[in-house]
Structures are given as C-alpha cells and as structure tokens.
Amino acid sequence: MEYAIVAAAFLCVIVAGAALWRALSQGLFVDHGLASASHHLAGAATWIADVLVF
C-alpha cells in the first residue's frame, strides 16, 4: 500500500513538472506579464491609460 502512495506522489510530481515545463516553453508567464503591464494596454491613448491605471 505504501508503494502505491509513493508511486502516485512521484507520478504527480512528474506530471506537474511536465506541465510547468510546457507553460515555460510556450511563454505563458511572459504573456501574462506583458498583458498585465500598464504600458501594454492596447487601444487606449497612453496618457489616458497612465492616468486611469495609476
């Protein structure tokens, strides 16, 4: 029984590592960072975005 718990935990670590590797290789975190940056607001005048964001 203990071997099954350890094997399941190890499998979860491997799957989570693979998911993190894939997200990093696709630039998902960089895209989120750029989308949340105040100077990256598309379609708005830059001075309006600066006034409203800050």
PDB file of N, CA and C in Angstrom:
ATOM      1  N   MET A   1       0.820  -1.193   0.000  1.00  0.00           N
ATOM      2  CA  MET A   1       0.000   0.000   0.000  1.00  0.00           C
ATOM      3  C   MET A   1       0.865   1.259   0.000  1.00  0.00           C
ATOM      4  N   GLU A   2       1.949   1.226   0.784  1.00  0.00           N
ATOM      5  CA  GLU A   2       2.824   2.397   0.846  1.00  0.00           C
ATOM      6  C   GLU A   2       3.492   2.665  -0.492  1.00  0.00           C
ATOM      7  N   TYR A   3       3.816   1.605  -1.225  1.00  0.00           N
ATOM      8  CA  TYR A   3       4.449   1.780  -2.530  1.00  0.00           C
ATOM      9  C   TYR A   3       3.500   2.474  -3.507  1.00  0.00           C
ATOM     10  N   ALA A   4       2.230   2.179  -3.428  1.00  0.00           N
ATOM     11  CA  ALA A   4       1.247   2.806  -4.313  1.00  0.00           C
ATOM     12  C   ALA A   4       1.128   4.300  -4.011  1.00  0.00           C
ATOM     13  N   ILE A   5       1.170   4.673  -2.749  1.00  0.00           N
ATOM     14  CA  ILE A   5       1.096   6.086  -2.365  1.00  0.00           C
ATOM     15  C   ILE A   5       2.330   6.829  -2.846  1.00  0.00           C
ATOM     16  N   VAL A   6       3.501   6.228  -2.652  1.00  0.00           N
ATOM     17  CA  VAL A   6       4.745   6.856  -3.091  1.00  0.00           C
ATOM     18  C   VAL A   6       4.781   6.952  -4.613  1.00  0.00           C
ATOM     19  N   ALA A   7       4.345   5.918  -5.306  1.00  0.00           N
ATOM     20  CA  ALA A   7       4.328   5.936  -6.769  1.00  0.00           C
ATOM     21  C   ALA A   7       3.355   6.994  -7.288  1.00  0.00           C
ATOM     22  N   ALA A   8       2.191   7.122  -6.661  1.00  0.00           N
ATOM     23  CA  ALA A   8       1.228   8.139  -7.075  1.00  0.00           C
ATOM     24  C   ALA A   8       1.767   9.544  -6.824  1.00  0.00           C
ATOM     25  N   ALA A   9       2.411   9.753  -5.705  1.00  0.00           N
ATOM     26  CA  ALA A   9       3.002  11.062  -5.414  1.00  0.00           C
ATOM     27  C   ALA A   9       4.119  11.382  -6.405  1.00  0.00           C
ATOM     28  N   PHE A  10       4.942  10.420  -6.722  1.00  0.00           N
ATOM     29  CA  PHE A  10       6.016  10.622  -7.689  1.00  0.00           C
ATOM     30  C   PHE A  10       5.457  10.931  -9.071  1.00  0.00           C
ATOM     31  N   LEU A  11       4.398  10.248  -9.455  1.00  0.00           N
ATOM     32  CA  LEU A  11       3.747  10.494 -10.738  1.00  0.00           C
ATOM     33  C   LEU A  11       3.161  11.907 -10.789  1.00  0.00           C
ATOM     34  N   CYS A  12       2.584  12.361  -9.678  1.00  0.00           N
ATOM     35  CA  CYS A  12       2.052  13.725  -9.613  1.00  0.00           C
ATOM     36  C   CYS A  12       3.160  14.759  -9.767  1.00  0.00           C
ATOM     37  N   VAL A  13       4.302  14.509  -9.169  1.00  0.00           N
ATOM     38  CA  VAL A  13       5.438  15.428  -9.301  1.00  0.00           C
ATOM     39  C   VAL A  13       5.916  15.465 -10.756  1.00  0.00           C
ATOM     40  N   ILE A  14       5.982  14.338 -11.405  1.00  0.00           N
ATOM     41  CA  ILE A  14       6.421  14.275 -12.796  1.00  0.00           C
ATOM     42  C   ILE A  14       5.434  15.003 -13.711  1.00  0.00           C
ATOM     43  N   VAL A  15       4.142  14.793 -13.513  1.00  0.00           N
ATOM     44  CA  VAL A  15       3.126  15.439 -14.341  1.00  0.00           C
ATOM     45  C   VAL A  15       3.128  16.952 -14.119  1.00  0.00           C
ATOM     46  N   ALA A  16       3.262  17.382 -12.874  1.00  0.00           N
ATOM     47  CA  ALA A  16       3.305  18.816 -12.584  1.00  0.00           C
ATOM     48  C   ALA A  16       4.557  19.453 -13.183  1.00  0.00           C
ATOM     49  N   GLY A  17       5.679  18.775 -13.121  1.00  0.00           N
ATOM     50  CA  GLY A  17       6.902  19.285 -13.733  1.00  0.00           C
ATOM     51  C   GLY A  17       6.773  19.407 -15.247  1.00  0.00           C
ATOM     52  N   ALA A  18       6.143  18.440 -15.866  1.00  0.00           N
ATOM     53  CA  ALA A  18       5.935  18.496 -17.314  1.00  0.00           C
ATOM     54  C   ALA A  18       5.006  19.643 -17.695  1.00  0.00           C
ATOM     55  N   ALA A  19       3.965  19.859 -16.907  1.00  0.00           N
ATOM     56  CA  ALA A  19       3.043  20.969 -17.185  1.00  0.00           C
ATOM     57  C   ALA A  19       3.740  22.314 -17.016  1.00  0.00           C
ATOM     58  N   LEU A  20       4.569  22.442 -15.999  1.00  0.00           N
ATOM     59  CA  LEU A  20       5.318  23.673 -15.782  1.00  0.00           C
ATOM     60  C   LEU A  20       6.326  23.895 -16.907  1.00  0.00           C
ATOM     61  N   TRP A  21       6.992  22.845 -17.338  1.00  0.00           N
ATOM     62  CA  TRP A  21       7.955  22.945 -18.431  1.00  0.00           C
ATOM     63  C   TRP A  21       7.263  23.410 -19.715  1.00  0.00           C
ATOM     64  N   ARG A  22       6.090  22.859 -19.983  1.00  0.00           N
ATOM     65  CA  ARG A  22       5.358  23.235 -21.196  1.00  0.00           C
ATOM     66  C   ARG A  22       4.904  24.691 -21.140  1.00  0.00           C
ATOM     67  N   ALA A  23       4.422  25.129 -19.979  1.00  0.00           N
ATOM     68  CA  ALA A  23       3.988  26.517 -19.836  1.00  0.00           C
ATOM     69  C   ALA A  23       5.164  27.474 -19.994  1.00  0.00           C
ATOM     70  N   LEU A  24       6.316  27.109 -19.459  1.00  0.00           N
ATOM     71  CA  LEU A  24       7.500  27.959 -19.596  1.00  0.00           C
ATOM     72  C   LEU A  24       8.011  27.989 -21.029  1.00  0.00           C
ATOM     73  N   SER A  25       7.968  26.873 -21.708  1.00  0.00           N
ATOM     74  CA  SER A  25       8.481  26.828 -23.073  1.00  0.00           C
ATOM     75  C   SER A  25       7.578  27.563 -24.056  1.00  0.00           C
ATOM     76  N   GLN A  26       6.285  27.655 -23.759  1.00  0.00           N
ATOM     77  CA  GLN A  26       5.357  28.380 -24.621  1.00  0.00           C
ATOM     78  C   GLN A  26       5.301  29.864 -24.290  1.00  0.00           C
ATOM     79  N   GLY A  27       5.974  30.293 -23.233  1.00  0.00           N
ATOM     80  CA  GLY A  27       5.983  31.707 -22.875  1.00  0.00           C
ATOM     81  C   GLY A  27       4.699  32.182 -22.228  1.00  0.00           C
ATOM     82  N   LEU A  28       3.993  31.292 -21.573  1.00  0.00           N
ATOM     83  CA  LEU A  28       2.705  31.643 -20.975  1.00  0.00           C
ATOM     84  C   LEU A  28       2.858  32.701 -19.887  1.00  0.00           C
ATOM     85  N   PHE A  29       3.879  32.579 -19.052  1.00  0.00           N
ATOM     86  CA  PHE A  29       4.064  33.518 -17.956  1.00  0.00           C
ATOM     87  C   PHE A  29       4.511  34.884 -18.467  1.00  0.00           C
ATOM     88  N   VAL A  30       5.292  34.884 -19.524  1.00  0.00           N
ATOM     89  CA  VAL A  30       5.710  36.154 -20.127  1.00  0.00           C
ATOM     90  C   VAL A  30       4.507  36.857 -20.743  1.00  0.00           C
ATOM     91  N   ASP A  31       3.644  36.111 -21.405  1.00  0.00           N
ATOM     92  CA  ASP A  31       2.434  36.696 -21.988  1.00  0.00           C
ATOM     93  C   ASP A  31       1.531  37.298 -20.916  1.00  0.00           C
ATOM     94  N   HIS A  32       1.389  36.607 -19.798  1.00  0.00           N
ATOM     95  CA  HIS A  32       0.577  37.146 -18.705  1.00  0.00           C
ATOM     96  C   HIS A  32       1.201  38.411 -18.128  1.00  0.00           C
ATOM     97  N   GLY A  33       2.512  38.422 -18.012  1.00  0.00           N
ATOM     98  CA  GLY A  33       3.190  39.603 -17.503  1.00  0.00           C
ATOM     99  C   GLY A  33       3.050  40.793 -18.428  1.00  0.00           C
ATOM    100  N   LEU A  34       3.167  40.559 -19.719  1.00  0.00           N
ATOM    101  CA  LEU A  34       3.007  41.647 -20.674  1.00  0.00           C
ATOM    102  C   LEU A  34       1.576  42.153 -20.728  1.00  0.00           C
ATOM    103  N   ALA A  35       0.621  41.246 -20.633  1.00  0.00           N
ATOM    104  CA  ALA A  35      -0.777  41.656 -20.695  1.00  0.00           C
ATOM    105  C   ALA A  35      -1.188  42.462 -19.471  1.00  0.00           C
ATOM    106  N   SER A  36      -0.549  42.225 -18.341  1.00  0.00           N
ATOM    107  CA  SER A  36      -0.930  42.949 -17.128  1.00  0.00           C
ATOM    108  C   SER A  36      -0.138  44.232 -16.929  1.00  0.00           C
ATOM    109  N   ALA A  37       0.850  44.494 -17.783  1.00  0.00           N
ATOM    110  CA  ALA A  37       1.647  45.712 -17.652  1.00  0.00           C
ATOM    111  C   ALA A  37       0.820  46.922 -18.077  1.00  0.00           C
ATOM    112  N   SER A  38       0.983  48.017 -17.366  1.00  0.00           N
ATOM    113  CA  SER A  38       0.176  49.200 -17.642  1.00  0.00           C
ATOM    114  C   SER A  38       0.519  49.827 -18.988  1.00  0.00           C
ATOM    115  N   HIS A  39       1.747  49.692 -19.435  1.00  0.00           N
ATOM    116  CA  HIS A  39       2.135  50.295 -20.697  1.00  0.00           C
ATOM    117  C   HIS A  39       1.782  49.424 -21.896  1.00  0.00           C
ATOM    118  N   HIS A  40       1.125  48.313 -21.663  1.00  0.00           N
ATOM    119  CA  HIS A  40       0.789  47.387 -22.730  1.00  0.00           C
ATOM    120  C   HIS A  40      -0.709  47.409 -23.037  1.00  0.00           C
ATOM    121  N   LEU A  41      -1.412  48.400 -22.556  1.00  0.00           N
ATOM    122  CA  LEU A  41      -2.840  48.477 -22.830  1.00  0.00           C
ATOM    123  C   LEU A  41      -3.053  48.855 -24.288  1.00  0.00           C
ATOM    124  N   ALA A  42      -3.730  48.009 -25.018  1.00  0.00           N
ATOM    125  CA  ALA A  42      -3.932  48.252 -26.443  1.00  0.00           C
ATOM    126  C   ALA A  42      -5.240  49.001 -26.664  1.00  0.00           C
ATOM    127  N   GLY A  43      -5.243  49.884 -27.625  1.00  0.00           N
ATOM    128  CA  GLY A  43      -6.457  50.588 -27.998  1.00  0.00           C
ATOM    129  C   GLY A  43      -6.742  51.827 -27.196  1.00  0.00           C
ATOM    130  N   ALA A  44      -5.926  52.172 -26.235  1.00  0.00           N
ATOM    131  CA  ALA A  44      -6.156  53.365 -25.427  1.00  0.00           C
ATOM    132  C   ALA A  44      -4.993  54.325 -25.634  1.00  0.00           C
ATOM    133  N   ALA A  45      -5.306  55.595 -25.536  1.00  0.00           N
ATOM    134  CA  ALA A  45      -4.232  56.577 -25.603  1.00  0.00           C
ATOM    135  C   ALA A  45      -3.331  56.385 -24.391  1.00  0.00           C
ATOM    136  N   THR A  46      -2.046  56.568 -24.567  1.00  0.00           N
ATOM    137  CA  THR A  46      -1.114  56.255 -23.492  1.00  0.00           C
ATOM    138  C   THR A  46      -1.324  57.154 -22.275  1.00  0.00           C
ATOM    139  N   TRP A  47      -1.658  58.401 -22.467  1.00  0.00           N
ATOM    140  CA  TRP A  47      -1.837  59.286 -21.300  1.00  0.00           C
ATOM    141  C   TRP A  47      -3.104  58.930 -20.537  1.00  0.00           C
ATOM    142  N   ILE A  48      -4.138  58.478 -21.236  1.00  0.00           N
ATOM    143  CA  ILE A  48      -5.361  58.072 -20.534  1.00  0.00           C
ATOM    144  C   ILE A  48      -5.086  56.798 -19.727  1.00  0.00           C
ATOM    145  N   ALA A  49      -4.358  55.878 -20.334  1.00  0.00           N
ATOM    146  CA  ALA A  49      -4.031  54.643 -19.630  1.00  0.00           C
ATOM    147  C   ALA A  49      -3.191  54.941 -18.404  1.00  0.00           C
ATOM    148  N   ASP A  50      -2.224  55.847 -18.525  1.00  0.00           N
ATOM    149  CA  ASP A  50      -1.389  56.186 -17.378  1.00  0.00           C
ATOM    150  C   ASP A  50      -2.199  56.824 -16.263  1.00  0.00           C
ATOM    151  N   VAL A  51      -3.127  57.688 -16.602  1.00  0.00           N
ATOM    152  CA  VAL A  51      -3.947  58.355 -15.586  1.00  0.00           C
ATOM    153  C   VAL A  51      -4.879  57.353 -14.905  1.00  0.00           C
ATOM    154  N   LEU A  52      -5.515  56.506 -15.671  1.00  0.00           N
ATOM    155  CA  LEU A  52      -6.504  55.590 -15.109  1.00  0.00           C
ATOM    156  C   LEU A  52      -5.874  54.420 -14.372  1.00  0.00           C
ATOM    157  N   VAL A  53      -4.726  53.959 -14.809  1.00  0.00           N
ATOM    158  CA  VAL A  53      -4.093  52.813 -14.171  1.00  0.00           C
ATOM    159  C   VAL A  53      -3.448  53.197 -12.864  1.00  0.00           C
ATOM    160  N   PHE A  54      -2.863  54.370 -12.803  1.00  0.00           N
ATOM    161  CA  PHE A  54      -2.194  54.790 -11.587  1.00  0.00           C
ATOM    162  C   PHE A  54      -3.120  55.678 -10.851  1.00  0.00           C
TER     163      PHE A  54
END
